[in-house]
Amino acid sequence: MYNPLKFYAGEAVKTINDRAKEVLSFLYPAVTISEDAGELVVEADMPGFD
């Protein structure tokens, strides 16, 4: 592939990937998974809930 075209295509893919990460981090809450006394504990950090 022509080098400048390859460079710009790669940059476009990186930009799209970064935007997708931003959207997904906004839509899905942070999740913590741990083990407590042999049980799997999943905690989701959701704003507005304690």
Protein backbone atom coordinates (compact mmCIF):
# COMPACT_ATOMS: atom_id res chain seq x y z
CA MET A 1 0.00 0.00 0.00
CA TYR A 2 1.17 3.55 -0.66
CA ASN A 3 2.96 4.73 2.50
CA PRO A 4 1.12 8.03 3.17
CA LEU A 5 -2.20 6.29 2.54
CA LYS A 6 -1.21 3.51 4.93
CA PHE A 7 -0.26 6.10 7.57
CA TYR A 8 -3.55 8.01 7.30
CA ALA A 9 -5.59 4.79 7.31
CA GLY A 10 -3.79 3.70 10.49
CA GLU A 11 -4.43 7.07 12.13
CA ALA A 12 -8.12 6.89 11.20
CA VAL A 13 -8.41 3.43 12.77
CA LYS A 14 -6.69 4.67 15.95
CA THR A 15 -9.09 7.62 16.16
CA ILE A 16 -12.13 5.38 15.70
CA ASN A 17 -10.78 2.99 18.34
CA ASP A 18 -10.25 5.84 20.82
CA ARG A 19 -13.78 7.16 20.24
CA ALA A 20 -15.25 3.69 20.73
CA LYS A 21 -13.39 3.32 24.05
CA GLU A 22 -14.73 6.70 25.22
CA VAL A 23 -18.33 5.76 24.37
CA LEU A 24 -18.10 2.33 26.01
CA SER A 25 -16.50 3.71 29.18
CA PHE A 26 -19.38 6.20 29.39
CA LEU A 27 -22.11 3.58 28.83
CA TYR A 28 -20.77 0.77 31.01
CA PRO A 29 -20.01 1.30 34.71
CA ALA A 30 -16.71 0.37 36.32
CA VAL A 31 -16.85 -3.21 37.59
CA THR A 32 -14.79 -4.81 40.35
CA ILE A 33 -14.69 -8.61 40.58
CA SER A 34 -13.27 -10.33 43.67
CA GLU A 35 -13.52 -13.59 45.56
CA ASP A 36 -14.82 -13.65 49.14
CA ALA A 37 -15.00 -16.91 51.11
CA GLY A 38 -15.16 -18.97 47.93
CA GLU A 39 -17.86 -16.81 46.33
CA LEU A 40 -17.41 -14.51 43.37
CA VAL A 41 -18.40 -10.91 44.20
CA VAL A 42 -19.16 -8.45 41.38
CA GLU A 43 -19.48 -4.76 42.30
CA ALA A 44 -20.61 -2.18 39.75
CA ASP A 45 -19.88 1.48 40.51
CA MET A 46 -23.04 3.25 39.34
CA PRO A 47 -23.56 6.97 40.00
CA GLY A 48 -26.56 7.74 42.19
CA PHE A 49 -26.64 4.33 43.89
CA ASP A 50 -24.97 3.46 47.20
